[in-house]
Amino acid sequence: MSVQKDNHIDPDLKARWGFAGTPGAITVGPETVGETGGVDHARTRITEGGGRNSGGGADPSIETLQLDAVNALADGLEAGVLNPVEGDGPALRIHQALSGIQSNMQSLADSRDDALAKSAELQKQVDDLQAQADKARQDEAEAKEIAELKAKLDAAKVTYRANASKESLQKQVDDLPKA
């Protein structure tokens, strides 16, 4: 008898979509189980290698060795160390990629340090120029005050030394009679 569609049973509550056999005796075949994602979808893939529940073969499989190498690499990374790996496979590829990232990061850190050193040097130069500009402004303001004091003394026809200090000129101006 062929498999018929079960129209009377909710497929969300039932493990299969169809049934076969006679009324009262349902036969589940591989075609009905396969359609619903039954047993054949829950099987694990078996790869070649020794020691697969057969009691024989003491050699670990290639996948086990590769997984052990990846785990050793991960343990080292968790400890903050990029340990070298032996052999080839995923662990070596991961190690090579991480080594490249590590060297790029070191290059970036070196570039950053160089830029910081250059920035500090440039900031020192800016500070020196700022100090020179402030001193020049102060000297200019003092020269202007000296010129004003000399102008007052010239207007009062008072003699003074050509290289007189600001303080001596100020004293002479203060000693002038008030008009």
C-alpha atoms as a PDB file:
ATOM      1  CA  MET A   1       0.000   0.000   0.000  1.00  0.00           C
ATOM      2  CA  SER A   2       1.313   3.512  -0.762  1.00  0.00           C
ATOM      3  CA  VAL A   3       1.816   6.250   1.787  1.00  0.00           C
ATOM      4  CA  GLN A   4      -1.215   8.481   2.162  1.00  0.00           C
ATOM      5  CA  LYS A   5      -1.438  11.962   3.574  1.00  0.00           C
ATOM      6  CA  ASP A   6      -2.850  12.103   7.080  1.00  0.00           C
ATOM      7  CA  ASN A   7      -5.559  14.791   6.969  1.00  0.00           C
ATOM      8  CA  HIS A   8      -6.953  14.050  10.425  1.00  0.00           C
ATOM      9  CA  ILE A   9      -3.901  14.519  12.657  1.00  0.00           C
ATOM     10  CA  ASP A  10      -2.230  17.853  13.461  1.00  0.00           C
ATOM     11  CA  PRO A  11       1.315  17.708  11.990  1.00  0.00           C
ATOM     12  CA  ASP A  12       2.652  19.887  14.848  1.00  0.00           C
ATOM     13  CA  LEU A  13       1.658  17.220  17.351  1.00  0.00           C
ATOM     14  CA  LYS A  14       2.594  14.230  15.216  1.00  0.00           C
ATOM     15  CA  ALA A  15       6.097  13.099  14.321  1.00  0.00           C
ATOM     16  CA  ARG A  16       5.229  12.248  10.732  1.00  0.00           C
ATOM     17  CA  TRP A  17       3.109  13.460   7.840  1.00  0.00           C
ATOM     18  CA  GLY A  18       1.795  10.221   6.539  1.00  0.00           C
ATOM     19  CA  PHE A  19       1.017   6.664   7.439  1.00  0.00           C
ATOM     20  CA  ALA A  20       0.860   3.304   5.777  1.00  0.00           C
ATOM     21  CA  GLY A  21      -0.662  -0.020   6.561  1.00  0.00           C
ATOM     22  CA  THR A  22      -4.099  -1.073   7.571  1.00  0.00           C
ATOM     23  CA  PRO A  23      -6.443   0.760   9.911  1.00  0.00           C
ATOM     24  CA  GLY A  24      -5.332   0.255  13.513  1.00  0.00           C
ATOM     25  CA  ALA A  25      -1.805  -0.761  12.478  1.00  0.00           C
ATOM     26  CA  ILE A  26       0.302   2.177  11.389  1.00  0.00           C
ATOM     27  CA  THR A  27       3.642   1.413   9.795  1.00  0.00           C
ATOM     28  CA  VAL A  28       6.284   4.128   9.836  1.00  0.00           C
ATOM     29  CA  GLY A  29       8.720   3.762   6.989  1.00  0.00           C
ATOM     30  CA  PRO A  30      11.910   5.627   6.140  1.00  0.00           C
ATOM     31  CA  GLU A  31      10.073   7.713   3.579  1.00  0.00           C
ATOM     32  CA  THR A  32       7.689   9.119   6.197  1.00  0.00           C
ATOM     33  CA  VAL A  33      10.369   9.719   8.823  1.00  0.00           C
ATOM     34  CA  GLY A  34      12.667  11.403   6.295  1.00  0.00           C
ATOM     35  CA  GLU A  35       9.934  13.791   5.210  1.00  0.00           C
ATOM     36  CA  THR A  36       9.464  15.161   8.725  1.00  0.00           C
ATOM     37  CA  GLY A  37      13.073  15.558   9.774  1.00  0.00           C
ATOM     38  CA  GLY A  38      13.051  12.441  11.888  1.00  0.00           C
ATOM     39  CA  VAL A  39      15.787   9.993  12.750  1.00  0.00           C
ATOM     40  CA  ASP A  40      17.973  10.316   9.656  1.00  0.00           C
ATOM     41  CA  HIS A  41      18.385  14.082  10.320  1.00  0.00           C
ATOM     42  CA  ALA A  42      19.648  13.545  13.854  1.00  0.00           C
ATOM     43  CA  ARG A  43      22.536  11.320  12.841  1.00  0.00           C
ATOM     44  CA  THR A  44      26.089  12.558  13.365  1.00  0.00           C
ATOM     45  CA  ARG A  45      28.665  12.420  10.651  1.00  0.00           C
ATOM     46  CA  ILE A  46      31.230   9.694  11.150  1.00  0.00           C
ATOM     47  CA  THR A  47      34.727  10.403   9.901  1.00  0.00           C
ATOM     48  CA  GLU A  48      37.618   8.082   9.489  1.00  0.00           C
ATOM     49  CA  GLY A  49      39.884   7.597  12.483  1.00  0.00           C
ATOM     50  CA  GLY A  50      40.747   5.173  15.206  1.00  0.00           C
ATOM     51  CA  GLY A  51      38.977   4.678  18.481  1.00  0.00           C
ATOM     52  CA  ARG A  52      35.381   5.181  17.341  1.00  0.00           C
ATOM     53  CA  ASN A  53      33.619   3.099  19.978  1.00  0.00           C
ATOM     54  CA  SER A  54      35.098  -0.030  18.465  1.00  0.00           C
ATOM     55  CA  GLY A  55      37.688  -0.671  21.133  1.00  0.00           C
ATOM     56  CA  GLY A  56      40.452  -0.555  18.565  1.00  0.00           C
ATOM     57  CA  GLY A  57      42.797   2.085  17.301  1.00  0.00           C
ATOM     58  CA  ALA A  58      44.735   4.104  19.850  1.00  0.00           C
ATOM     59  CA  ASP A  59      45.768   6.841  17.404  1.00  0.00           C
ATOM     60  CA  PRO A  60      43.769  10.059  17.653  1.00  0.00           C
ATOM     61  CA  SER A  61      42.128  11.348  14.511  1.00  0.00           C
ATOM     62  CA  ILE A  62      43.396  14.304  12.509  1.00  0.00           C
ATOM     63  CA  GLU A  63      40.421  16.331  13.688  1.00  0.00           C
ATOM     64  CA  THR A  64      41.285  15.600  17.319  1.00  0.00           C
ATOM     65  CA  LEU A  65      44.894  16.681  16.799  1.00  0.00           C
ATOM     66  CA  GLN A  66      43.795  19.861  15.031  1.00  0.00           C
ATOM     67  CA  LEU A  67      41.269  20.622  17.753  1.00  0.00           C
ATOM     68  CA  ASP A  68      43.917  20.056  20.419  1.00  0.00           C
ATOM     69  CA  ALA A  69      46.268  22.480  18.599  1.00  0.00           C
ATOM     70  CA  VAL A  70      43.508  25.093  18.341  1.00  0.00           C
ATOM     71  CA  ASN A  71      42.686  24.622  22.039  1.00  0.00           C
ATOM     72  CA  ALA A  72      46.367  25.027  22.982  1.00  0.00           C
ATOM     73  CA  LEU A  73      46.497  28.214  20.887  1.00  0.00           C
ATOM     74  CA  ALA A  74      43.327  29.508  22.588  1.00  0.00           C
ATOM     75  CA  ASP A  75      44.720  28.706  26.049  1.00  0.00           C
ATOM     76  CA  GLY A  76      47.855  30.693  25.250  1.00  0.00           C
ATOM     77  CA  LEU A  77      45.809  33.616  23.932  1.00  0.00           C
ATOM     78  CA  GLU A  78      43.705  33.627  27.087  1.00  0.00           C
ATOM     79  CA  ALA A  79      46.966  33.872  29.046  1.00  0.00           C
ATOM     80  CA  GLY A  80      48.049  36.777  26.826  1.00  0.00           C
ATOM     81  CA  VAL A  81      50.693  34.867  24.853  1.00  0.00           C
ATOM     82  CA  LEU A  82      50.706  33.916  21.176  1.00  0.00           C
ATOM     83  CA  ASN A  83      52.403  30.517  21.330  1.00  0.00           C
ATOM     84  CA  PRO A  84      53.790  28.934  18.162  1.00  0.00           C
ATOM     85  CA  VAL A  85      51.976  25.857  16.862  1.00  0.00           C
ATOM     86  CA  GLU A  86      53.320  22.682  15.339  1.00  0.00           C
ATOM     87  CA  GLY A  87      52.221  21.097  12.094  1.00  0.00           C
ATOM     88  CA  ASP A  88      49.692  22.527   9.718  1.00  0.00           C
ATOM     89  CA  GLY A  89      45.949  22.947   9.701  1.00  0.00           C
ATOM     90  CA  PRO A  90      43.523  25.420  11.224  1.00  0.00           C
ATOM     91  CA  ALA A  91      45.715  26.195  14.254  1.00  0.00           C
ATOM     92  CA  LEU A  92      48.622  27.222  12.014  1.00  0.00           C
ATOM     93  CA  ARG A  93      46.358  29.372   9.849  1.00  0.00           C
ATOM     94  CA  ILE A  94      44.910  31.057  12.936  1.00  0.00           C
ATOM     95  CA  HIS A  95      48.427  31.562  14.340  1.00  0.00           C
ATOM     96  CA  GLN A  96      49.614  33.119  11.077  1.00  0.00           C
ATOM     97  CA  ALA A  97      46.612  35.452  10.961  1.00  0.00           C
ATOM     98  CA  LEU A  98      47.078  36.480  14.599  1.00  0.00           C
ATOM     99  CA  SER A  99      50.824  36.979  14.050  1.00  0.00           C
ATOM    100  CA  GLY A 100      50.017  39.310  11.162  1.00  0.00           C
ATOM    101  CA  ILE A 101      47.523  41.203  13.303  1.00  0.00           C
ATOM    102  CA  GLN A 102      50.065  41.387  16.125  1.00  0.00           C
ATOM    103  CA  SER A 103      52.780  42.791  13.854  1.00  0.00           C
ATOM    104  CA  ASN A 104      50.329  45.321  12.382  1.00  0.00           C
ATOM    105  CA  MET A 105      49.300  46.380  15.882  1.00  0.00           C
ATOM    106  CA  GLN A 106      52.970  46.783  16.868  1.00  0.00           C
ATOM    107  CA  SER A 107      53.564  48.877  13.759  1.00  0.00           C
ATOM    108  CA  LEU A 108      50.580  51.055  14.654  1.00  0.00           C
ATOM    109  CA  ALA A 109      51.815  51.411  18.234  1.00  0.00           C
ATOM    110  CA  ASP A 110      55.273  52.448  16.999  1.00  0.00           C
ATOM    111  CA  SER A 111      53.718  54.990  14.618  1.00  0.00           C
ATOM    112  CA  ARG A 112      51.563  56.332  17.447  1.00  0.00           C
ATOM    113  CA  ASP A 113      54.595  56.678  19.725  1.00  0.00           C
ATOM    114  CA  ASP A 114      56.534  58.517  17.002  1.00  0.00           C
ATOM    115  CA  ALA A 115      53.582  60.834  16.408  1.00  0.00           C
ATOM    116  CA  LEU A 116      53.273  61.534  20.142  1.00  0.00           C
ATOM    117  CA  ALA A 117      56.992  62.343  20.393  1.00  0.00           C
ATOM    118  CA  LYS A 118      56.753  64.673  17.393  1.00  0.00           C
ATOM    119  CA  SER A 119      53.615  66.267  18.848  1.00  0.00           C
ATOM    120  CA  ALA A 120      55.406  66.921  22.155  1.00  0.00           C
ATOM    121  CA  GLU A 121      58.345  68.485  20.297  1.00  0.00           C
ATOM    122  CA  LEU A 122      56.016  70.691  18.248  1.00  0.00           C
ATOM    123  CA  GLN A 123      54.107  71.717  21.384  1.00  0.00           C
ATOM    124  CA  LYS A 124      57.396  72.772  23.010  1.00  0.00           C
ATOM    125  CA  GLN A 125      58.216  74.882  19.958  1.00  0.00           C
ATOM    126  CA  VAL A 126      54.746  76.464  20.052  1.00  0.00           C
ATOM    127  CA  ASP A 127      55.155  77.242  23.766  1.00  0.00           C
ATOM    128  CA  ASP A 128      58.584  78.830  23.126  1.00  0.00           C
ATOM    129  CA  LEU A 129      57.176  80.948  20.287  1.00  0.00           C
ATOM    130  CA  GLN A 130      54.244  81.968  22.478  1.00  0.00           C
ATOM    131  CA  ALA A 131      56.641  83.066  25.224  1.00  0.00           C
ATOM    132  CA  GLN A 132      58.711  85.044  22.716  1.00  0.00           C
ATOM    133  CA  ALA A 133      55.591  86.738  21.368  1.00  0.00           C
ATOM    134  CA  ASP A 134      54.420  87.612  24.896  1.00  0.00           C
ATOM    135  CA  LYS A 135      57.856  89.081  25.718  1.00  0.00           C
ATOM    136  CA  ALA A 136      57.855  91.051  22.467  1.00  0.00           C
ATOM    137  CA  ARG A 137      54.403  92.459  23.306  1.00  0.00           C
ATOM    138  CA  GLN A 138      55.588  93.425  26.788  1.00  0.00           C
ATOM    139  CA  ASP A 139      58.750  95.038  25.379  1.00  0.00           C
ATOM    140  CA  GLU A 140      56.657  96.898  22.821  1.00  0.00           C
ATOM    141  CA  ALA A 141      54.259  98.156  25.507  1.00  0.00           C
ATOM    142  CA  GLU A 142      57.172  99.251  27.679  1.00  0.00           C
ATOM    143  CA  ALA A 143      58.825 101.012  24.727  1.00  0.00           C
ATOM    144  CA  LYS A 144      55.552 102.847  24.069  1.00  0.00           C
ATOM    145  CA  GLU A 145      55.302 103.948  27.715  1.00  0.00           C
ATOM    146  CA  ILE A 146      58.938 105.152  27.636  1.00  0.00           C
ATOM    147  CA  ALA A 147      58.212 107.132  24.453  1.00  0.00           C
ATOM    148  CA  GLU A 148      55.185 108.743  26.122  1.00  0.00           C
ATOM    149  CA  LEU A 149      57.237 109.649  29.206  1.00  0.00           C
ATOM    150  CA  LYS A 150      59.984 111.156  27.023  1.00  0.00           C
ATOM    151  CA  ALA A 151      57.372 113.123  25.094  1.00  0.00           C
ATOM    152  CA  LYS A 152      56.024 114.591  28.367  1.00  0.00           C
ATOM    153  CA  LEU A 153      59.549 115.500  29.487  1.00  0.00           C
ATOM    154  CA  ASP A 154      60.308 117.051  26.075  1.00  0.00           C
ATOM    155  CA  ALA A 155      57.114 119.112  26.263  1.00  0.00           C
ATOM    156  CA  ALA A 156      58.181 120.346  29.704  1.00  0.00           C
ATOM    157  CA  LYS A 157      61.698 121.022  28.357  1.00  0.00           C
ATOM    158  CA  VAL A 158      63.286 118.692  30.929  1.00  0.00           C
ATOM    159  CA  THR A 159      66.527 116.974  30.003  1.00  0.00           C
ATOM    160  CA  TYR A 160      67.065 113.250  30.550  1.00  0.00           C
ATOM    161  CA  ARG A 161      69.593 110.619  29.566  1.00  0.00           C
ATOM    162  CA  ALA A 162      68.912 108.893  26.242  1.00  0.00           C
ATOM    163  CA  ASN A 163      69.228 105.458  27.806  1.00  0.00           C
ATOM    164  CA  ALA A 164      67.310 106.272  30.986  1.00  0.00           C
ATOM    165  CA  SER A 165      65.165 103.552  32.493  1.00  0.00           C
ATOM    166  CA  LYS A 166      61.414 103.706  32.612  1.00  0.00           C
ATOM    167  CA  GLU A 167      61.461 104.133  36.393  1.00  0.00           C
ATOM    168  CA  SER A 168      63.832 107.152  36.273  1.00  0.00           C
ATOM    169  CA  LEU A 169      61.759 108.759  33.511  1.00  0.00           C
ATOM    170  CA  GLN A 170      58.567 108.143  35.518  1.00  0.00           C
ATOM    171  CA  LYS A 171      60.159 109.793  38.573  1.00  0.00           C
ATOM    172  CA  GLN A 172      61.099 112.856  36.516  1.00  0.00           C
ATOM    173  CA  VAL A 173      57.561 113.104  35.130  1.00  0.00           C
ATOM    174  CA  ASP A 174      56.130 112.806  38.656  1.00  0.00           C
ATOM    175  CA  ASP A 175      58.443 115.606  39.832  1.00  0.00           C
ATOM    176  CA  LEU A 176      57.124 118.002  37.163  1.00  0.00           C
ATOM    177  CA  PRO A 177      55.106 120.916  38.502  1.00  0.00           C
ATOM    178  CA  LYS A 178      51.368 120.419  38.054  1.00  0.00           C
ATOM    179  CA  ALA A 179      49.875 122.802  35.561  1.00  0.00           C
END
